[in-house]
N, C-alpha and C. Protein backbone atom coordinates (compact mmCIF):
# COMPACT_ATOMS: atom_id res chain seq x y z
N UNK A 1 -47.60 104.86 60.75
CA UNK A 1 -46.80 103.68 60.95
C UNK A 1 -46.96 102.77 59.73
N UNK A 2 -45.90 102.28 59.26
CA UNK A 2 -45.94 101.41 58.08
C UNK A 2 -46.49 100.04 58.45
N UNK A 3 -47.03 99.37 57.46
CA UNK A 3 -47.60 98.04 57.66
C UNK A 3 -46.57 97.06 58.18
N UNK A 4 -45.32 97.14 57.69
CA UNK A 4 -44.29 96.21 58.15
C UNK A 4 -43.96 96.44 59.62
N UNK A 5 -43.99 97.67 60.07
CA UNK A 5 -43.74 97.96 61.48
C UNK A 5 -44.84 97.39 62.35
N UNK A 6 -46.08 97.55 61.91
CA UNK A 6 -47.22 97.00 62.64
C UNK A 6 -47.10 95.49 62.70
N UNK A 7 -46.77 94.86 61.59
CA UNK A 7 -46.61 93.40 61.56
C UNK A 7 -45.51 92.96 62.52
N UNK A 8 -44.42 93.70 62.56
CA UNK A 8 -43.32 93.38 63.45
C UNK A 8 -43.75 93.49 64.91
N UNK A 9 -44.50 94.52 65.25
CA UNK A 9 -44.98 94.69 66.63
C UNK A 9 -45.95 93.57 67.02
N UNK A 10 -46.80 93.17 66.10
CA UNK A 10 -47.73 92.06 66.38
C UNK A 10 -46.95 90.77 66.60
N UNK A 11 -45.97 90.51 65.77
CA UNK A 11 -45.16 89.30 65.90
C UNK A 11 -44.39 89.30 67.23
N UNK A 12 -43.84 90.45 67.59
CA UNK A 12 -43.10 90.55 68.86
C UNK A 12 -44.03 90.30 70.04
N UNK A 13 -45.25 90.82 69.96
CA UNK A 13 -46.23 90.59 71.03
C UNK A 13 -46.60 89.13 71.14
N UNK A 14 -46.74 88.48 70.00
CA UNK A 14 -47.08 87.05 70.00
C UNK A 14 -45.97 86.23 70.63
N UNK A 15 -44.73 86.59 70.37
CA UNK A 15 -43.59 85.86 70.95
C UNK A 15 -43.54 85.99 72.46
N UNK A 16 -44.04 87.09 72.97
CA UNK A 16 -44.04 87.29 74.42
C UNK A 16 -44.91 86.25 75.11
N UNK A 17 -45.89 85.69 74.40
CA UNK A 17 -46.78 84.69 74.98
C UNK A 17 -46.21 83.28 74.91
N UNK A 18 -45.16 83.07 74.12
CA UNK A 18 -44.56 81.75 73.97
C UNK A 18 -43.72 81.46 75.21
N UNK A 19 -43.88 80.29 75.85
CA UNK A 19 -43.07 79.97 77.01
C UNK A 19 -41.58 79.96 76.67
N UNK A 20 -40.77 80.31 77.66
CA UNK A 20 -39.33 80.35 77.46
C UNK A 20 -38.78 78.96 77.14
N UNK A 21 -39.46 77.95 77.62
CA UNK A 21 -39.00 76.58 77.39
C UNK A 21 -40.18 75.76 76.87
N UNK A 22 -40.07 75.29 75.67
CA UNK A 22 -41.10 74.40 75.15
C UNK A 22 -40.90 73.03 75.78
N UNK A 23 -41.95 72.53 76.40
CA UNK A 23 -41.84 71.28 77.14
C UNK A 23 -41.62 70.09 76.21
N UNK A 24 -40.86 69.14 76.69
CA UNK A 24 -40.51 67.93 75.96
C UNK A 24 -41.13 66.74 76.72
N UNK A 25 -42.22 66.20 76.18
CA UNK A 25 -42.94 65.12 76.84
C UNK A 25 -42.06 63.89 77.04
N UNK A 26 -41.27 63.54 76.03
CA UNK A 26 -40.39 62.36 76.15
C UNK A 26 -39.38 62.54 77.28
N UNK A 27 -38.82 63.74 77.38
CA UNK A 27 -37.88 64.02 78.47
C UNK A 27 -38.61 63.99 79.81
N UNK A 28 -39.86 64.45 79.84
CA UNK A 28 -40.65 64.39 81.06
C UNK A 28 -40.90 62.96 81.49
N UNK A 29 -41.19 62.09 80.53
CA UNK A 29 -41.40 60.67 80.86
C UNK A 29 -40.13 60.05 81.43
N UNK A 30 -39.00 60.36 80.81
CA UNK A 30 -37.72 59.82 81.29
C UNK A 30 -37.43 60.31 82.70
N UNK A 31 -37.68 61.58 82.97
CA UNK A 31 -37.44 62.14 84.30
C UNK A 31 -38.41 61.53 85.31
N UNK A 32 -39.66 61.31 84.90
CA UNK A 32 -40.64 60.69 85.79
C UNK A 32 -40.19 59.28 86.19
N UNK A 33 -39.69 58.53 85.21
CA UNK A 33 -39.21 57.17 85.50
C UNK A 33 -38.03 57.20 86.45
N UNK A 34 -37.25 58.24 86.39
CA UNK A 34 -36.07 58.39 87.25
C UNK A 34 -36.43 58.91 88.65
N UNK A 35 -37.40 59.81 88.72
CA UNK A 35 -37.62 60.54 89.97
C UNK A 35 -38.99 60.36 90.63
N UNK A 36 -40.01 59.96 89.88
CA UNK A 36 -41.38 60.06 90.41
C UNK A 36 -42.11 58.74 90.61
N UNK A 37 -41.81 57.75 89.77
CA UNK A 37 -42.63 56.53 89.76
C UNK A 37 -42.55 55.72 91.05
N UNK A 38 -41.46 55.82 91.78
CA UNK A 38 -41.36 55.05 93.01
C UNK A 38 -42.49 55.37 93.98
N UNK A 39 -42.92 56.62 94.01
CA UNK A 39 -43.98 57.02 94.94
C UNK A 39 -45.33 57.22 94.23
N UNK A 40 -45.30 57.82 93.04
CA UNK A 40 -46.55 58.17 92.37
C UNK A 40 -47.00 57.12 91.36
N UNK A 41 -46.19 56.09 91.15
CA UNK A 41 -46.54 55.01 90.24
C UNK A 41 -46.32 55.36 88.78
N UNK A 42 -46.35 54.34 87.94
CA UNK A 42 -46.16 54.54 86.50
C UNK A 42 -47.24 55.43 85.89
N UNK A 43 -48.44 55.38 86.49
CA UNK A 43 -49.55 56.15 85.94
C UNK A 43 -49.72 57.51 86.60
N UNK A 44 -48.88 57.83 87.60
CA UNK A 44 -48.95 59.12 88.28
C UNK A 44 -50.09 59.26 89.26
N UNK A 45 -50.82 58.18 89.49
CA UNK A 45 -52.02 58.28 90.33
C UNK A 45 -51.75 58.06 91.81
N UNK A 46 -50.51 57.76 92.17
CA UNK A 46 -50.15 57.65 93.57
C UNK A 46 -50.80 56.50 94.30
N UNK A 47 -50.84 56.65 95.63
CA UNK A 47 -51.42 55.62 96.50
C UNK A 47 -51.87 56.31 97.79
N UNK A 48 -51.97 55.56 98.88
CA UNK A 48 -52.41 56.13 100.15
C UNK A 48 -51.47 57.22 100.67
N UNK A 49 -50.19 57.10 100.38
CA UNK A 49 -49.20 58.05 100.89
C UNK A 49 -48.83 59.14 99.89
N UNK A 50 -49.00 58.89 98.61
CA UNK A 50 -48.59 59.83 97.57
C UNK A 50 -49.80 60.23 96.74
N UNK A 51 -49.96 61.53 96.50
CA UNK A 51 -51.16 61.98 95.78
C UNK A 51 -51.13 61.68 94.30
N UNK A 52 -52.30 61.76 93.71
CA UNK A 52 -52.51 61.62 92.27
C UNK A 52 -52.05 62.93 91.63
N UNK A 53 -50.96 62.89 90.87
CA UNK A 53 -50.47 64.11 90.24
C UNK A 53 -50.99 64.27 88.81
N UNK A 54 -51.72 63.28 88.34
CA UNK A 54 -52.29 63.37 86.99
C UNK A 54 -53.51 64.29 87.00
N UNK A 55 -54.23 64.34 88.10
CA UNK A 55 -55.48 65.11 88.12
C UNK A 55 -55.27 66.61 88.29
N UNK A 56 -54.05 67.04 88.61
CA UNK A 56 -53.83 68.48 88.74
C UNK A 56 -53.41 69.08 87.40
N UNK A 57 -53.60 70.38 87.27
CA UNK A 57 -53.24 71.06 86.02
C UNK A 57 -51.72 71.22 85.94
N UNK A 58 -51.26 71.54 84.74
CA UNK A 58 -49.82 71.80 84.56
C UNK A 58 -49.38 72.96 85.44
N UNK A 59 -50.18 73.99 85.51
CA UNK A 59 -49.85 75.16 86.33
C UNK A 59 -49.76 74.77 87.81
N UNK A 60 -50.70 73.97 88.28
CA UNK A 60 -50.67 73.52 89.67
C UNK A 60 -49.44 72.66 89.94
N UNK A 61 -49.08 71.82 88.98
CA UNK A 61 -47.90 70.97 89.11
C UNK A 61 -46.64 71.84 89.25
N UNK A 62 -46.50 72.80 88.35
CA UNK A 62 -45.33 73.68 88.37
C UNK A 62 -45.27 74.46 89.68
N UNK A 63 -46.40 75.00 90.11
CA UNK A 63 -46.45 75.75 91.37
C UNK A 63 -46.05 74.86 92.55
N UNK A 64 -46.57 73.65 92.58
CA UNK A 64 -46.24 72.72 93.66
C UNK A 64 -44.74 72.43 93.69
N UNK A 65 -44.15 72.16 92.54
CA UNK A 65 -42.71 71.88 92.49
C UNK A 65 -41.90 73.09 92.96
N UNK A 66 -42.30 74.27 92.54
CA UNK A 66 -41.59 75.48 92.96
C UNK A 66 -41.72 75.69 94.47
N UNK A 67 -42.88 75.37 95.02
CA UNK A 67 -43.08 75.49 96.47
C UNK A 67 -42.26 74.47 97.23
N UNK A 68 -42.14 73.26 96.71
CA UNK A 68 -41.26 72.28 97.35
C UNK A 68 -39.81 72.76 97.30
N UNK A 69 -39.40 73.29 96.16
CA UNK A 69 -38.02 73.76 96.01
C UNK A 69 -37.70 74.93 96.95
N UNK A 70 -38.65 75.84 97.12
CA UNK A 70 -38.41 77.04 97.94
C UNK A 70 -38.56 76.77 99.43
N UNK A 71 -39.16 75.63 99.78
CA UNK A 71 -39.38 75.32 101.18
C UNK A 71 -40.75 75.73 101.67
N UNK A 72 -41.54 76.35 100.82
CA UNK A 72 -42.90 76.75 101.20
C UNK A 72 -43.74 75.52 101.56
N UNK A 73 -43.51 74.41 100.85
CA UNK A 73 -44.18 73.15 101.16
C UNK A 73 -43.16 72.23 101.81
N UNK A 74 -42.97 72.40 103.07
CA UNK A 74 -41.99 71.59 103.80
C UNK A 74 -42.61 71.17 105.12
N UNK A 75 -43.65 70.37 105.02
CA UNK A 75 -44.37 69.90 106.19
C UNK A 75 -43.66 68.68 106.77
N UNK A 76 -43.85 68.44 108.05
CA UNK A 76 -43.21 67.26 108.65
C UNK A 76 -43.71 65.97 108.00
N UNK A 77 -42.88 64.99 108.01
CA UNK A 77 -43.26 63.68 107.47
C UNK A 77 -42.24 63.19 106.47
N UNK A 78 -42.06 61.90 106.49
CA UNK A 78 -41.05 61.26 105.65
C UNK A 78 -41.30 61.51 104.16
N UNK A 79 -42.56 61.39 103.70
CA UNK A 79 -42.87 61.58 102.29
C UNK A 79 -42.66 63.03 101.86
N UNK A 80 -43.04 63.97 102.71
CA UNK A 80 -42.85 65.39 102.39
C UNK A 80 -41.36 65.71 102.27
N UNK A 81 -40.57 65.17 103.18
CA UNK A 81 -39.12 65.42 103.14
C UNK A 81 -38.52 64.83 101.87
N UNK A 82 -38.97 63.66 101.48
CA UNK A 82 -38.48 63.05 100.24
C UNK A 82 -38.87 63.91 99.04
N UNK A 83 -40.09 64.43 99.06
CA UNK A 83 -40.55 65.26 97.96
C UNK A 83 -39.72 66.53 97.85
N UNK A 84 -39.40 67.14 98.95
CA UNK A 84 -38.56 68.35 98.95
C UNK A 84 -37.19 68.02 98.35
N UNK A 85 -36.60 66.91 98.77
CA UNK A 85 -35.30 66.51 98.23
C UNK A 85 -35.36 66.27 96.72
N UNK A 86 -36.39 65.54 96.29
CA UNK A 86 -36.53 65.25 94.86
C UNK A 86 -36.78 66.52 94.04
N UNK A 87 -37.64 67.39 94.54
CA UNK A 87 -37.96 68.63 93.81
C UNK A 87 -36.73 69.52 93.65
N UNK A 88 -35.90 69.55 94.66
CA UNK A 88 -34.71 70.41 94.60
C UNK A 88 -33.71 69.93 93.55
N UNK A 89 -33.82 68.69 93.11
CA UNK A 89 -32.94 68.16 92.07
C UNK A 89 -33.39 68.58 90.67
N UNK A 90 -34.61 69.10 90.55
CA UNK A 90 -35.20 69.39 89.24
C UNK A 90 -34.88 70.80 88.75
N UNK A 91 -34.58 70.90 87.47
CA UNK A 91 -34.41 72.21 86.84
C UNK A 91 -35.79 72.71 86.41
N UNK A 92 -35.85 73.97 85.99
CA UNK A 92 -37.10 74.52 85.47
C UNK A 92 -37.56 73.73 84.25
N UNK A 93 -36.61 73.34 83.41
CA UNK A 93 -36.95 72.54 82.22
C UNK A 93 -37.50 71.17 82.63
N UNK A 94 -36.89 70.54 83.64
CA UNK A 94 -37.39 69.25 84.14
C UNK A 94 -38.84 69.38 84.59
N UNK A 95 -39.13 70.43 85.34
CA UNK A 95 -40.49 70.63 85.86
C UNK A 95 -41.48 70.83 84.72
N UNK A 96 -41.12 71.65 83.74
CA UNK A 96 -42.00 71.86 82.59
C UNK A 96 -42.22 70.56 81.83
N UNK A 97 -41.16 69.78 81.67
CA UNK A 97 -41.26 68.51 80.96
C UNK A 97 -42.13 67.51 81.72
N UNK A 98 -41.96 67.45 83.03
CA UNK A 98 -42.78 66.56 83.84
C UNK A 98 -44.25 66.97 83.78
N UNK A 99 -44.51 68.25 83.89
CA UNK A 99 -45.90 68.75 83.83
C UNK A 99 -46.53 68.37 82.50
N UNK A 100 -45.78 68.53 81.42
CA UNK A 100 -46.30 68.18 80.09
C UNK A 100 -46.54 66.68 79.98
N UNK A 101 -45.63 65.88 80.52
CA UNK A 101 -45.79 64.42 80.47
C UNK A 101 -47.03 63.99 81.25
N UNK A 102 -47.18 64.46 82.48
CA UNK A 102 -48.32 64.04 83.28
C UNK A 102 -49.64 64.51 82.68
N UNK A 103 -49.60 65.61 81.94
CA UNK A 103 -50.81 66.07 81.24
C UNK A 103 -51.26 65.05 80.20
N UNK A 104 -50.32 64.33 79.60
CA UNK A 104 -50.67 63.34 78.59
C UNK A 104 -51.34 62.09 79.18
N UNK A 105 -51.23 61.91 80.48
CA UNK A 105 -51.79 60.72 81.14
C UNK A 105 -53.25 60.89 81.55
N UNK A 106 -53.79 62.07 81.32
CA UNK A 106 -55.19 62.33 81.73
C UNK A 106 -56.15 61.61 80.84
């Protein structure tokens, strides 16, 4: 195998590890101001009714949003129902951006 072929295979493998969507922190902040701050606050730390979303990892945040969207997290209660409605409005890019933004608040 030629050196250039090996280099190409290594580069292709490296690209496989790059996320399909590079998160945009500024877009995440804008979406948070639009969709999240009413319940979770400007700092993402929530209150008695809404959890602190800053302390969870980006992966946990993304998983939680996907579970709200799919209905896996659809427990009774006014706040849960609101969360399901809000999560269903989010695109995959929105979720990635929000996760990246909340990561900056740690």
